[in-house]
Amino acid sequence: MPAATSGEETALHLHYDGELTIAAPQEKVWEFINDPARVGRCLPDLQQLDTKDERHFDAVVRIGVGPVRGRFRMEVELQPEEAPRRGGLRLRGSGMGSGLQLQARIELEPAGDGTTRFRWEAEADVSGPLATVGGRLLDNQARKVTEQLFASIRANLENGARTGAAGSSAAGEGA
């Protein structure tokens, strides 16, 4: 994945996609991924979260790629399109002299037995020192962080479903 040079700034384009199955109904997954406070808490290495409104949040995360380490500020917009099937998010971030623009598309569909198939695709452009780290190192780290985000969404949904069921049975036992 070569870095493209435009003037003095190095830019790198990244593409990722994946699919996972979440043990929660499609409507619950839809509600979760369109709640800025809940999605924001799923960001890896989150240091600060500020929910602006029902579609926007700002976050500060810790980033480390090779020798480039520091804090990254992000503005995130959730973009619901076709409830409860399709949506996305747009992210703009900066820190350590670098910039990030990311657009993600998400598609949900029932997978049977109360589960949801969650497909995602993300396109990102990175500029500055993070892009000069470039190639495989940045690509591997960005893929890892992206997969951690979606795995965290799944874990939160699945643990929430189990906790809700366990909480109601535990309340009955204590009486």
C-alpha atoms as a PDB file:
ATOM      1  CA  MET A   1       0.000   0.000   0.000  1.00  0.00           C
ATOM      2  CA  PRO A   2       2.125   2.895  -1.228  1.00  0.00           C
ATOM      3  CA  ALA A   3       1.932   6.329   0.259  1.00  0.00           C
ATOM      4  CA  ALA A   4       0.997   9.072  -2.178  1.00  0.00           C
ATOM      5  CA  THR A   5       2.788  12.369  -1.919  1.00  0.00           C
ATOM      6  CA  SER A   6       0.972  15.622  -2.579  1.00  0.00           C
ATOM      7  CA  GLY A   7       3.228  18.609  -2.018  1.00  0.00           C
ATOM      8  CA  GLU A   8       4.944  18.121   1.325  1.00  0.00           C
ATOM      9  CA  GLU A   9       2.165  16.046   2.885  1.00  0.00           C
ATOM     10  CA  THR A  10       2.182  12.274   2.702  1.00  0.00           C
ATOM     11  CA  ALA A  11      -1.226  10.587   2.413  1.00  0.00           C
ATOM     12  CA  LEU A  12      -2.116   6.936   2.676  1.00  0.00           C
ATOM     13  CA  HIS A  13      -5.446   5.397   1.631  1.00  0.00           C
ATOM     14  CA  LEU A  14      -6.688   2.360   3.572  1.00  0.00           C
ATOM     15  CA  HIS A  15      -9.649   0.039   2.983  1.00  0.00           C
ATOM     16  CA  TYR A  16     -11.081  -2.546   5.380  1.00  0.00           C
ATOM     17  CA  ASP A  17     -14.169  -4.696   5.504  1.00  0.00           C
ATOM     18  CA  GLY A  18     -15.507  -7.501   7.599  1.00  0.00           C
ATOM     19  CA  GLU A  19     -18.498  -9.365   8.866  1.00  0.00           C
ATOM     20  CA  LEU A  20     -19.515 -10.714  12.230  1.00  0.00           C
ATOM     21  CA  THR A  21     -22.583 -12.234  13.827  1.00  0.00           C
ATOM     22  CA  ILE A  22     -23.959 -10.611  16.964  1.00  0.00           C
ATOM     23  CA  ALA A  23     -26.111 -12.573  19.411  1.00  0.00           C
ATOM     24  CA  ALA A  24     -28.726  -9.816  19.633  1.00  0.00           C
ATOM     25  CA  PRO A  25     -31.788  -8.913  17.550  1.00  0.00           C
ATOM     26  CA  GLN A  26     -31.331  -6.500  14.644  1.00  0.00           C
ATOM     27  CA  GLU A  27     -33.373  -3.726  16.309  1.00  0.00           C
ATOM     28  CA  LYS A  28     -31.147  -3.820  19.435  1.00  0.00           C
ATOM     29  CA  VAL A  29     -28.004  -3.674  17.294  1.00  0.00           C
ATOM     30  CA  TRP A  30     -29.491  -0.749  15.340  1.00  0.00           C
ATOM     31  CA  GLU A  31     -30.301   1.148  18.559  1.00  0.00           C
ATOM     32  CA  PHE A  32     -26.783   0.556  19.878  1.00  0.00           C
ATOM     33  CA  ILE A  33     -24.878   1.646  16.763  1.00  0.00           C
ATOM     34  CA  ASN A  34     -26.952   4.831  16.549  1.00  0.00           C
ATOM     35  CA  ASP A  35     -26.306   5.865  20.158  1.00  0.00           C
ATOM     36  CA  PRO A  36     -23.212   8.119  20.281  1.00  0.00           C
ATOM     37  CA  ALA A  37     -22.534   7.469  23.979  1.00  0.00           C
ATOM     38  CA  ARG A  38     -22.586   3.682  23.580  1.00  0.00           C
ATOM     39  CA  VAL A  39     -20.632   3.558  20.302  1.00  0.00           C
ATOM     40  CA  GLY A  40     -18.107   6.095  21.614  1.00  0.00           C
ATOM     41  CA  ARG A  41     -17.299   3.922  24.637  1.00  0.00           C
ATOM     42  CA  CYS A  42     -16.333   1.110  22.233  1.00  0.00           C
ATOM     43  CA  LEU A  43     -13.385   3.047  20.759  1.00  0.00           C
ATOM     44  CA  PRO A  44     -10.090   1.330  21.665  1.00  0.00           C
ATOM     45  CA  ASP A  45      -7.847   3.293  24.066  1.00  0.00           C
ATOM     46  CA  LEU A  46     -10.569   5.883  24.700  1.00  0.00           C
ATOM     47  CA  GLN A  47      -9.418   8.672  27.031  1.00  0.00           C
ATOM     48  CA  GLN A  48     -12.262  11.170  26.720  1.00  0.00           C
ATOM     49  CA  LEU A  49     -15.796  11.118  25.290  1.00  0.00           C
ATOM     50  CA  ASP A  50     -18.103  14.096  24.774  1.00  0.00           C
ATOM     51  CA  THR A  51     -21.557  13.379  23.322  1.00  0.00           C
ATOM     52  CA  LYS A  52     -22.687  16.463  21.371  1.00  0.00           C
ATOM     53  CA  ASP A  53     -26.200  15.359  20.319  1.00  0.00           C
ATOM     54  CA  GLU A  54     -28.034  12.250  19.088  1.00  0.00           C
ATOM     55  CA  ARG A  55     -25.722  11.879  16.048  1.00  0.00           C
ATOM     56  CA  HIS A  56     -22.385  13.469  17.020  1.00  0.00           C
ATOM     57  CA  PHE A  57     -19.637  12.882  19.537  1.00  0.00           C
ATOM     58  CA  ASP A  58     -16.052  13.961  20.074  1.00  0.00           C
ATOM     59  CA  ALA A  59     -13.454  11.590  21.441  1.00  0.00           C
ATOM     60  CA  VAL A  60      -9.800  11.540  22.419  1.00  0.00           C
ATOM     61  CA  VAL A  61      -7.969   8.248  21.996  1.00  0.00           C
ATOM     62  CA  ARG A  62      -4.410   7.101  22.513  1.00  0.00           C
ATOM     63  CA  ILE A  63      -2.662   6.112  19.262  1.00  0.00           C
ATOM     64  CA  GLY A  64       0.593   4.261  18.812  1.00  0.00           C
ATOM     65  CA  VAL A  65       2.046   3.171  15.489  1.00  0.00           C
ATOM     66  CA  GLY A  66       5.727   2.316  15.589  1.00  0.00           C
ATOM     67  CA  PRO A  67       7.621   5.323  16.951  1.00  0.00           C
ATOM     68  CA  VAL A  68       4.638   7.691  16.511  1.00  0.00           C
ATOM     69  CA  ARG A  69       2.616   7.835  19.742  1.00  0.00           C
ATOM     70  CA  GLY A  70       0.236  10.311  21.276  1.00  0.00           C
ATOM     71  CA  ARG A  71      -3.349  11.482  21.563  1.00  0.00           C
ATOM     72  CA  PHE A  72      -5.755  11.813  18.678  1.00  0.00           C
ATOM     73  CA  ARG A  73      -8.874  14.018  18.758  1.00  0.00           C
ATOM     74  CA  MET A  74     -11.817  12.809  16.702  1.00  0.00           C
ATOM     75  CA  GLU A  75     -15.157  14.233  15.617  1.00  0.00           C
ATOM     76  CA  VAL A  76     -17.646  11.474  14.786  1.00  0.00           C
ATOM     77  CA  GLU A  77     -20.983  11.697  13.017  1.00  0.00           C
ATOM     78  CA  LEU A  78     -23.345   8.714  13.046  1.00  0.00           C
ATOM     79  CA  GLN A  79     -25.217   8.424   9.754  1.00  0.00           C
ATOM     80  CA  PRO A  80     -28.355   6.290   9.937  1.00  0.00           C
ATOM     81  CA  GLU A  81     -29.770   5.678   6.458  1.00  0.00           C
ATOM     82  CA  GLU A  82     -32.346   2.931   6.275  1.00  0.00           C
ATOM     83  CA  ALA A  83     -33.516   1.790   9.720  1.00  0.00           C
ATOM     84  CA  PRO A  84     -32.869  -0.867  10.902  1.00  0.00           C
ATOM     85  CA  ARG A  85     -30.706  -2.078   8.001  1.00  0.00           C
ATOM     86  CA  ARG A  86     -28.110   0.403   6.829  1.00  0.00           C
ATOM     87  CA  GLY A  87     -26.073   3.222   8.212  1.00  0.00           C
ATOM     88  CA  GLY A  88     -22.594   4.492   8.677  1.00  0.00           C
ATOM     89  CA  LEU A  89     -20.311   6.933  10.342  1.00  0.00           C
ATOM     90  CA  ARG A  90     -17.944   9.675   9.323  1.00  0.00           C
ATOM     91  CA  LEU A  91     -14.882  10.419  11.400  1.00  0.00           C
ATOM     92  CA  ARG A  92     -12.391  13.265  11.175  1.00  0.00           C
ATOM     93  CA  GLY A  93      -9.412  13.255  13.451  1.00  0.00           C
ATOM     94  CA  SER A  94      -6.131  14.981  14.132  1.00  0.00           C
ATOM     95  CA  GLY A  95      -3.207  14.696  16.444  1.00  0.00           C
ATOM     96  CA  MET A  96       0.562  14.398  16.494  1.00  0.00           C
ATOM     97  CA  GLY A  97       0.688  16.479  13.307  1.00  0.00           C
ATOM     98  CA  SER A  98      -1.375  13.864  11.456  1.00  0.00           C
ATOM     99  CA  GLY A  99      -4.881  13.787  10.051  1.00  0.00           C
ATOM    100  CA  LEU A 100      -7.479  11.094   9.495  1.00  0.00           C
ATOM    101  CA  GLN A 101     -10.666  11.038   7.411  1.00  0.00           C
ATOM    102  CA  LEU A 102     -12.749   7.870   7.647  1.00  0.00           C
ATOM    103  CA  GLN A 103     -16.089   6.857   6.180  1.00  0.00           C
ATOM    104  CA  ALA A 104     -17.655   3.561   7.303  1.00  0.00           C
ATOM    105  CA  ARG A 105     -20.756   1.800   5.968  1.00  0.00           C
ATOM    106  CA  ILE A 106     -22.652  -0.717   8.079  1.00  0.00           C
ATOM    107  CA  GLU A 107     -25.292  -3.171   6.953  1.00  0.00           C
ATOM    108  CA  LEU A 108     -27.431  -5.292   9.291  1.00  0.00           C
ATOM    109  CA  GLU A 109     -29.682  -8.242   8.574  1.00  0.00           C
ATOM    110  CA  PRO A 110     -31.334 -10.934  10.677  1.00  0.00           C
ATOM    111  CA  ALA A 111     -29.229 -14.100  10.858  1.00  0.00           C
ATOM    112  CA  GLY A 112     -31.811 -16.335  12.587  1.00  0.00           C
ATOM    113  CA  ASP A 113     -32.365 -17.289  16.228  1.00  0.00           C
ATOM    114  CA  GLY A 114     -32.362 -13.654  17.361  1.00  0.00           C
ATOM    115  CA  THR A 115     -28.897 -12.945  15.936  1.00  0.00           C
ATOM    116  CA  THR A 116     -27.795 -10.229  13.512  1.00  0.00           C
ATOM    117  CA  ARG A 117     -25.310 -10.336  10.653  1.00  0.00           C
ATOM    118  CA  PHE A 118     -23.196  -7.155  10.865  1.00  0.00           C
ATOM    119  CA  ARG A 119     -21.259  -6.247   7.709  1.00  0.00           C
ATOM    120  CA  TRP A 120     -18.962  -3.259   7.644  1.00  0.00           C
ATOM    121  CA  GLU A 121     -16.667  -1.486   5.222  1.00  0.00           C
ATOM    122  CA  ALA A 122     -14.350   1.431   5.947  1.00  0.00           C
ATOM    123  CA  GLU A 123     -12.285   3.766   3.770  1.00  0.00           C
ATOM    124  CA  ALA A 124      -9.683   5.961   5.446  1.00  0.00           C
ATOM    125  CA  ASP A 125      -7.152   8.560   4.376  1.00  0.00           C
ATOM    126  CA  VAL A 126      -4.252   9.269   6.716  1.00  0.00           C
ATOM    127  CA  SER A 127      -1.823  12.161   6.363  1.00  0.00           C
ATOM    128  CA  GLY A 128       1.225  13.440   8.222  1.00  0.00           C
ATOM    129  CA  PRO A 129       3.717  11.479  10.341  1.00  0.00           C
ATOM    130  CA  LEU A 130       1.305   8.569  10.792  1.00  0.00           C
ATOM    131  CA  ALA A 131       1.185   8.148   7.013  1.00  0.00           C
ATOM    132  CA  THR A 132       4.984   8.269   6.746  1.00  0.00           C
ATOM    133  CA  VAL A 133       5.167   5.279   9.111  1.00  0.00           C
ATOM    134  CA  GLY A 134       3.166   3.938   6.215  1.00  0.00           C
ATOM    135  CA  GLY A 135       2.631   0.670   4.547  1.00  0.00           C
ATOM    136  CA  ARG A 136       2.264  -2.534   6.452  1.00  0.00           C
ATOM    137  CA  LEU A 137       2.877  -1.159   9.971  1.00  0.00           C
ATOM    138  CA  LEU A 138       0.091   1.450   9.785  1.00  0.00           C
ATOM    139  CA  ASP A 139      -2.162  -0.906   7.819  1.00  0.00           C
ATOM    140  CA  ASN A 140      -1.858  -3.666  10.444  1.00  0.00           C
ATOM    141  CA  GLN A 141      -2.439  -1.284  13.365  1.00  0.00           C
ATOM    142  CA  ALA A 142      -5.411   0.434  11.705  1.00  0.00           C
ATOM    143  CA  ARG A 143      -6.989  -2.939  10.874  1.00  0.00           C
ATOM    144  CA  LYS A 144      -6.486  -4.085  14.471  1.00  0.00           C
ATOM    145  CA  VAL A 145      -8.105  -0.943  15.920  1.00  0.00           C
ATOM    146  CA  THR A 146     -11.031  -1.166  13.459  1.00  0.00           C
ATOM    147  CA  GLU A 147     -11.625  -4.829  14.307  1.00  0.00           C
ATOM    148  CA  GLN A 148     -11.374  -4.048  18.045  1.00  0.00           C
ATOM    149  CA  LEU A 149     -14.067  -1.373  17.659  1.00  0.00           C
ATOM    150  CA  PHE A 150     -16.535  -3.758  16.019  1.00  0.00           C
ATOM    151  CA  ALA A 151     -15.639  -6.601  18.405  1.00  0.00           C
ATOM    152  CA  SER A 152     -16.290  -4.225  21.321  1.00  0.00           C
ATOM    153  CA  ILE A 153     -19.693  -3.310  19.874  1.00  0.00           C
ATOM    154  CA  ARG A 154     -20.513  -7.027  19.631  1.00  0.00           C
ATOM    155  CA  ALA A 155     -19.279  -7.748  23.169  1.00  0.00           C
ATOM    156  CA  ASN A 156     -21.268  -4.854  24.631  1.00  0.00           C
ATOM    157  CA  LEU A 157     -24.449  -5.970  22.894  1.00  0.00           C
ATOM    158  CA  GLU A 158     -24.007  -9.627  23.819  1.00  0.00           C
ATOM    159  CA  ASN A 159     -22.984  -8.924  27.426  1.00  0.00           C
ATOM    160  CA  GLY A 160     -25.878  -6.481  27.768  1.00  0.00           C
ATOM    161  CA  ALA A 161     -28.311  -9.168  26.629  1.00  0.00           C
ATOM    162  CA  ARG A 162     -26.834 -11.702  29.093  1.00  0.00           C
ATOM    163  CA  THR A 163     -26.687  -9.167  31.933  1.00  0.00           C
ATOM    164  CA  GLY A 164     -30.306  -8.178  31.349  1.00  0.00           C
ATOM    165  CA  ALA A 165     -31.423 -11.816  31.492  1.00  0.00           C
ATOM    166  CA  ALA A 166     -29.190 -12.595  34.472  1.00  0.00           C
ATOM    167  CA  GLY A 167     -30.287  -9.421  36.278  1.00  0.00           C
ATOM    168  CA  SER A 168     -33.954 -10.311  36.028  1.00  0.00           C
ATOM    169  CA  SER A 169     -33.396 -13.890  37.246  1.00  0.00           C
ATOM    170  CA  ALA A 170     -31.085 -12.734  40.040  1.00  0.00           C
ATOM    171  CA  ALA A 171     -33.732 -10.271  41.243  1.00  0.00           C
ATOM    172  CA  GLY A 172     -36.223 -13.119  41.445  1.00  0.00           C
ATOM    173  CA  GLU A 173     -33.839 -15.292  43.468  1.00  0.00           C
ATOM    174  CA  GLY A 174     -33.181 -12.644  46.104  1.00  0.00           C
ATOM    175  CA  ALA A 175     -36.889 -12.248  47.011  1.00  0.00           C
END
